[in-house]
Amino acid sequence: MNVRDAVESDLPEILEIYNDAVLNTTAIWNEAEVDLENRRTWLKERQRQGFPVIVGIDDLGRVTGYASFGDWRAFAGYRHTVEHSVYVNREMRGAGIGRTLMLALIDRARQLRKHVMIAGIEANNEASIRLHKQLGFETVGYLPEVGTKFGKWLNLTFLQITLDRGAPH
């Protein structure tokens, strides 16, 4: 699998992956599908802010998954902390795509001199939590029943990884 920056022609496949997660998982706590213009605006805004959007591409040129990060909170004091998202095509989950995208995303965060990366994961998503821990993330918080989807309350686990140990810059 090749990892590269997303381009506009990737958006239909990104949209398909995103909407599948909306409709069928608790990875995204939205309940309404979005359209191509929504993803186009999202990509342009991430790029404008200097945040990466990366895609995994298989040997046939298909988008296998995508990942990005952005501001964790919108206050200047948090400028060295980002929160990320990683989504994999449902037919390709469990093949190491998420891990590959995560490693590339962590590398990009270090290149941008970010200090901490945050993961907010639905507490029952054991596979995602396990992957994050394997990559060096530590559990730092648990918020019970802070979301809802599919007619049930959802719990949120926060994990984080410290990307550098240097002084603030």
C-alpha atoms as a PDB file:
ATOM      1  CA  MET A   1       0.000   0.000   0.000  1.00  0.00           C
ATOM      2  CA  ASN A   2       1.190   3.485  -0.877  1.00  0.00           C
ATOM      3  CA  VAL A   3       0.423   6.479   1.367  1.00  0.00           C
ATOM      4  CA  ARG A   4       0.163   9.946  -0.132  1.00  0.00           C
ATOM      5  CA  ASP A   5      -1.584  13.265   0.324  1.00  0.00           C
ATOM      6  CA  ALA A   6      -5.224  13.204  -0.667  1.00  0.00           C
ATOM      7  CA  VAL A   7      -6.260  15.005  -3.840  1.00  0.00           C
ATOM      8  CA  GLU A   8      -9.682  16.051  -5.042  1.00  0.00           C
ATOM      9  CA  SER A   9     -10.069  12.958  -7.234  1.00  0.00           C
ATOM     10  CA  ASP A  10      -9.891  10.820  -4.049  1.00  0.00           C
ATOM     11  CA  LEU A  11     -12.983  12.482  -2.613  1.00  0.00           C
ATOM     12  CA  PRO A  12     -15.635  10.089  -4.008  1.00  0.00           C
ATOM     13  CA  GLU A  13     -13.905   7.146  -2.293  1.00  0.00           C
ATOM     14  CA  ILE A  14     -13.290   9.180   0.885  1.00  0.00           C
ATOM     15  CA  LEU A  15     -16.983  10.076   0.844  1.00  0.00           C
ATOM     16  CA  GLU A  16     -17.961   6.422   0.505  1.00  0.00           C
ATOM     17  CA  ILE A  17     -15.736   5.421   3.454  1.00  0.00           C
ATOM     18  CA  TYR A  18     -17.005   8.319   5.564  1.00  0.00           C
ATOM     19  CA  ASN A  19     -20.682   7.669   4.891  1.00  0.00           C
ATOM     20  CA  ASP A  20     -20.268   3.954   5.558  1.00  0.00           C
ATOM     21  CA  ALA A  21     -18.833   4.832   8.977  1.00  0.00           C
ATOM     22  CA  VAL A  22     -21.735   7.221   9.609  1.00  0.00           C
ATOM     23  CA  LEU A  23     -24.368   4.648   8.694  1.00  0.00           C
ATOM     24  CA  ASN A  24     -22.828   1.493  10.157  1.00  0.00           C
ATOM     25  CA  THR A  25     -20.373   2.279  12.969  1.00  0.00           C
ATOM     26  CA  THR A  26     -19.892   4.329  16.091  1.00  0.00           C
ATOM     27  CA  ALA A  27     -16.527   5.570  14.834  1.00  0.00           C
ATOM     28  CA  ILE A  28     -18.263   8.799  13.769  1.00  0.00           C
ATOM     29  CA  TRP A  29     -20.969  10.151  16.025  1.00  0.00           C
ATOM     30  CA  ASN A  30     -22.834  11.824  13.173  1.00  0.00           C
ATOM     31  CA  GLU A  31     -26.064  10.264  12.008  1.00  0.00           C
ATOM     32  CA  ALA A  32     -26.522  11.956   8.633  1.00  0.00           C
ATOM     33  CA  GLU A  33     -24.650  11.164   5.458  1.00  0.00           C
ATOM     34  CA  VAL A  34     -22.775  14.003   3.773  1.00  0.00           C
ATOM     35  CA  ASP A  35     -22.367  14.856   0.119  1.00  0.00           C
ATOM     36  CA  LEU A  36     -19.337  15.351  -2.081  1.00  0.00           C
ATOM     37  CA  GLU A  37     -19.389  19.123  -1.602  1.00  0.00           C
ATOM     38  CA  ASN A  38     -19.107  18.602   2.172  1.00  0.00           C
ATOM     39  CA  ARG A  39     -15.968  16.485   1.733  1.00  0.00           C
ATOM     40  CA  ARG A  40     -14.573  18.966  -0.813  1.00  0.00           C
ATOM     41  CA  THR A  41     -15.017  21.822   1.675  1.00  0.00           C
ATOM     42  CA  TRP A  42     -13.507  19.696   4.466  1.00  0.00           C
ATOM     43  CA  LEU A  43     -10.428  18.837   2.371  1.00  0.00           C
ATOM     44  CA  LYS A  44      -9.861  22.436   1.286  1.00  0.00           C
ATOM     45  CA  GLU A  45     -10.216  23.683   4.864  1.00  0.00           C
ATOM     46  CA  ARG A  46      -7.752  21.113   6.208  1.00  0.00           C
ATOM     47  CA  GLN A  47      -5.283  22.042   3.486  1.00  0.00           C
ATOM     48  CA  ARG A  48      -5.791  25.775   4.115  1.00  0.00           C
ATOM     49  CA  GLN A  49      -4.989  25.248   7.801  1.00  0.00           C
ATOM     50  CA  GLY A  50      -1.858  23.256   6.954  1.00  0.00           C
ATOM     51  CA  PHE A  51      -3.202  19.954   8.277  1.00  0.00           C
ATOM     52  CA  PRO A  52      -2.602  16.737   6.350  1.00  0.00           C
ATOM     53  CA  VAL A  53      -5.203  14.525   4.775  1.00  0.00           C
ATOM     54  CA  ILE A  54      -3.550  11.308   3.665  1.00  0.00           C
ATOM     55  CA  VAL A  55      -4.880   8.282   1.830  1.00  0.00           C
ATOM     56  CA  GLY A  56      -3.806   4.680   1.491  1.00  0.00           C
ATOM     57  CA  ILE A  57      -3.782   3.484  -2.114  1.00  0.00           C
ATOM     58  CA  ASP A  58      -3.731  -0.192  -3.085  1.00  0.00           C
ATOM     59  CA  ASP A  59      -2.091  -1.768  -6.137  1.00  0.00           C
ATOM     60  CA  LEU A  60      -5.246  -1.125  -8.188  1.00  0.00           C
ATOM     61  CA  GLY A  61      -5.223   2.588  -7.342  1.00  0.00           C
ATOM     62  CA  ARG A  62      -8.165   2.379  -4.935  1.00  0.00           C
ATOM     63  CA  VAL A  63      -8.383   4.407  -1.725  1.00  0.00           C
ATOM     64  CA  THR A  64      -8.175   1.857   1.093  1.00  0.00           C
ATOM     65  CA  GLY A  65      -8.532   4.405   3.874  1.00  0.00           C
ATOM     66  CA  TYR A  66      -7.796   7.952   4.873  1.00  0.00           C
ATOM     67  CA  ALA A  67      -6.537   9.855   7.882  1.00  0.00           C
ATOM     68  CA  SER A  68      -6.198  13.420   9.039  1.00  0.00           C
ATOM     69  CA  PHE A  69      -5.722  15.568  12.073  1.00  0.00           C
ATOM     70  CA  GLY A  70      -6.731  19.045  13.090  1.00  0.00           C
ATOM     71  CA  ASP A  71      -6.879  21.326  16.079  1.00  0.00           C
ATOM     72  CA  TRP A  72      -7.903  19.605  19.272  1.00  0.00           C
ATOM     73  CA  ARG A  73      -9.377  22.792  20.689  1.00  0.00           C
ATOM     74  CA  ALA A  74      -9.599  26.204  19.062  1.00  0.00           C
ATOM     75  CA  PHE A  75      -7.592  28.193  21.607  1.00  0.00           C
ATOM     76  CA  ALA A  76      -3.992  29.347  21.086  1.00  0.00           C
ATOM     77  CA  GLY A  77      -2.718  27.495  24.146  1.00  0.00           C
ATOM     78  CA  TYR A  78      -3.662  24.182  22.498  1.00  0.00           C
ATOM     79  CA  ARG A  79      -1.829  24.907  19.213  1.00  0.00           C
ATOM     80  CA  HIS A  80       0.654  22.061  19.761  1.00  0.00           C
ATOM     81  CA  THR A  81      -2.070  19.441  20.287  1.00  0.00           C
ATOM     82  CA  VAL A  82      -4.036  17.760  17.507  1.00  0.00           C
ATOM     83  CA  GLU A  83      -6.842  15.221  17.351  1.00  0.00           C
ATOM     84  CA  HIS A  84      -6.812  12.684  14.565  1.00  0.00           C
ATOM     85  CA  SER A  85      -9.221  10.515  12.602  1.00  0.00           C
ATOM     86  CA  VAL A  86      -8.519   7.326  10.678  1.00  0.00           C
ATOM     87  CA  TYR A  87     -11.084   5.473   8.568  1.00  0.00           C
ATOM     88  CA  VAL A  88     -10.593   2.300   6.549  1.00  0.00           C
ATOM     89  CA  ASN A  89     -12.726   0.880   3.756  1.00  0.00           C
ATOM     90  CA  ARG A  90     -14.951  -1.691   5.463  1.00  0.00           C
ATOM     91  CA  GLU A  91     -13.930  -4.450   3.046  1.00  0.00           C
ATOM     92  CA  MET A  92     -10.265  -3.921   3.937  1.00  0.00           C
ATOM     93  CA  ARG A  93     -10.363  -3.599   7.729  1.00  0.00           C
ATOM     94  CA  GLY A  94      -7.965  -5.788   9.686  1.00  0.00           C
ATOM     95  CA  ALA A  95      -5.294  -5.752   6.950  1.00  0.00           C
ATOM     96  CA  GLY A  96      -2.947  -3.259   8.630  1.00  0.00           C
ATOM     97  CA  ILE A  97      -4.174  -0.219   6.710  1.00  0.00           C
ATOM     98  CA  GLY A  98      -5.130   1.675   9.864  1.00  0.00           C
ATOM     99  CA  ARG A  99      -1.703   1.036  11.379  1.00  0.00           C
ATOM    100  CA  THR A 100       0.082   2.213   8.223  1.00  0.00           C
ATOM    101  CA  LEU A 101      -2.014   5.380   8.057  1.00  0.00           C
ATOM    102  CA  MET A 102      -1.517   6.048  11.779  1.00  0.00           C
ATOM    103  CA  LEU A 103       2.267   5.732  11.520  1.00  0.00           C
ATOM    104  CA  ALA A 104       2.301   8.141   8.574  1.00  0.00           C
ATOM    105  CA  LEU A 105       0.032  10.561  10.434  1.00  0.00           C
ATOM    106  CA  ILE A 106       2.207  10.484  13.565  1.00  0.00           C
ATOM    107  CA  ASP A 107       5.229  11.195  11.380  1.00  0.00           C
ATOM    108  CA  ARG A 108       3.443  14.163   9.784  1.00  0.00           C
ATOM    109  CA  ALA A 109       2.507  15.532  13.210  1.00  0.00           C
ATOM    110  CA  ARG A 110       6.141  15.336  14.286  1.00  0.00           C
ATOM    111  CA  GLN A 111       7.225  17.108  11.085  1.00  0.00           C
ATOM    112  CA  LEU A 112       4.784  19.908  11.950  1.00  0.00           C
ATOM    113  CA  ARG A 113       6.308  20.051  15.455  1.00  0.00           C
ATOM    114  CA  LYS A 114       3.108  19.011  17.208  1.00  0.00           C
ATOM    115  CA  HIS A 115       3.576  17.934  20.804  1.00  0.00           C
ATOM    116  CA  VAL A 116       0.564  15.711  21.559  1.00  0.00           C
ATOM    117  CA  MET A 117      -1.876  13.737  19.426  1.00  0.00           C
ATOM    118  CA  ILE A 118      -5.285  12.912  20.916  1.00  0.00           C
ATOM    119  CA  ALA A 119      -7.575  10.021  20.003  1.00  0.00           C
ATOM    120  CA  GLY A 120     -11.246  10.064  20.995  1.00  0.00           C
ATOM    121  CA  ILE A 121     -12.553   6.515  20.517  1.00  0.00           C
ATOM    122  CA  GLU A 122     -15.913   4.954  21.353  1.00  0.00           C
ATOM    123  CA  ALA A 123     -15.081   2.863  24.407  1.00  0.00           C
ATOM    124  CA  ASN A 124     -16.334  -0.421  22.937  1.00  0.00           C
ATOM    125  CA  ASN A 125     -14.084  -0.133  19.868  1.00  0.00           C
ATOM    126  CA  GLU A 126     -11.512  -2.521  21.291  1.00  0.00           C
ATOM    127  CA  ALA A 127      -9.634  -2.980  18.007  1.00  0.00           C
ATOM    128  CA  SER A 128      -8.986   0.739  17.623  1.00  0.00           C
ATOM    129  CA  ILE A 129      -7.997   1.164  21.262  1.00  0.00           C
ATOM    130  CA  ARG A 130      -5.639  -1.827  21.006  1.00  0.00           C
ATOM    131  CA  LEU A 131      -4.030  -0.418  17.841  1.00  0.00           C
ATOM    132  CA  HIS A 132      -3.481   2.961  19.462  1.00  0.00           C
ATOM    133  CA  LYS A 133      -1.884   1.385  22.529  1.00  0.00           C
ATOM    134  CA  GLN A 134       0.423  -0.681  20.298  1.00  0.00           C
ATOM    135  CA  LEU A 135       1.550   2.589  18.701  1.00  0.00           C
ATOM    136  CA  GLY A 136       2.386   4.180  22.063  1.00  0.00           C
ATOM    137  CA  PHE A 137      -0.858   5.934  22.979  1.00  0.00           C
ATOM    138  CA  GLU A 138      -1.897   5.877  26.626  1.00  0.00           C
ATOM    139  CA  THR A 139      -5.432   5.990  27.989  1.00  0.00           C
ATOM    140  CA  VAL A 140      -5.916   9.345  29.695  1.00  0.00           C
ATOM    141  CA  GLY A 141      -9.662   9.641  30.147  1.00  0.00           C
ATOM    142  CA  TYR A 142     -13.058   8.021  30.049  1.00  0.00           C
ATOM    143  CA  LEU A 143     -16.324   9.917  29.637  1.00  0.00           C
ATOM    144  CA  PRO A 144     -19.441   7.793  30.148  1.00  0.00           C
ATOM    145  CA  GLU A 145     -22.610   8.376  28.127  1.00  0.00           C
ATOM    146  CA  VAL A 146     -21.473  11.596  26.433  1.00  0.00           C
ATOM    147  CA  GLY A 147     -22.851  10.632  23.017  1.00  0.00           C
ATOM    148  CA  THR A 148     -25.654   8.693  21.446  1.00  0.00           C
ATOM    149  CA  LYS A 149     -26.134   6.735  18.251  1.00  0.00           C
ATOM    150  CA  PHE A 150     -28.255   3.793  17.178  1.00  0.00           C
ATOM    151  CA  GLY A 151     -30.542   4.363  20.180  1.00  0.00           C
ATOM    152  CA  LYS A 152     -27.898   3.816  22.845  1.00  0.00           C
ATOM    153  CA  TRP A 153     -25.561   5.908  24.976  1.00  0.00           C
ATOM    154  CA  LEU A 154     -21.932   5.950  23.921  1.00  0.00           C
ATOM    155  CA  ASN A 155     -18.876   6.202  26.124  1.00  0.00           C
ATOM    156  CA  LEU A 156     -15.730   7.989  24.991  1.00  0.00           C
ATOM    157  CA  THR A 157     -12.190   6.887  25.755  1.00  0.00           C
ATOM    158  CA  PHE A 158      -9.422   9.433  25.282  1.00  0.00           C
ATOM    159  CA  LEU A 159      -5.906   8.313  24.456  1.00  0.00           C
ATOM    160  CA  GLN A 160      -2.878  10.412  23.717  1.00  0.00           C
ATOM    161  CA  ILE A 161       0.694  10.116  22.569  1.00  0.00           C
ATOM    162  CA  THR A 162       3.421  12.629  23.327  1.00  0.00           C
ATOM    163  CA  LEU A 163       5.282  13.241  20.090  1.00  0.00           C
ATOM    164  CA  ASP A 164       8.233  15.110  21.523  1.00  0.00           C
ATOM    165  CA  ARG A 165       9.616  15.909  24.953  1.00  0.00           C
ATOM    166  CA  GLY A 166      11.010  19.331  24.109  1.00  0.00           C
ATOM    167  CA  ALA A 167      10.053  22.675  25.574  1.00  0.00           C
ATOM    168  CA  PRO A 168       7.174  24.606  23.988  1.00  0.00           C
ATOM    169  CA  HIS A 169       8.114  26.512  20.860  1.00  0.00           C
END
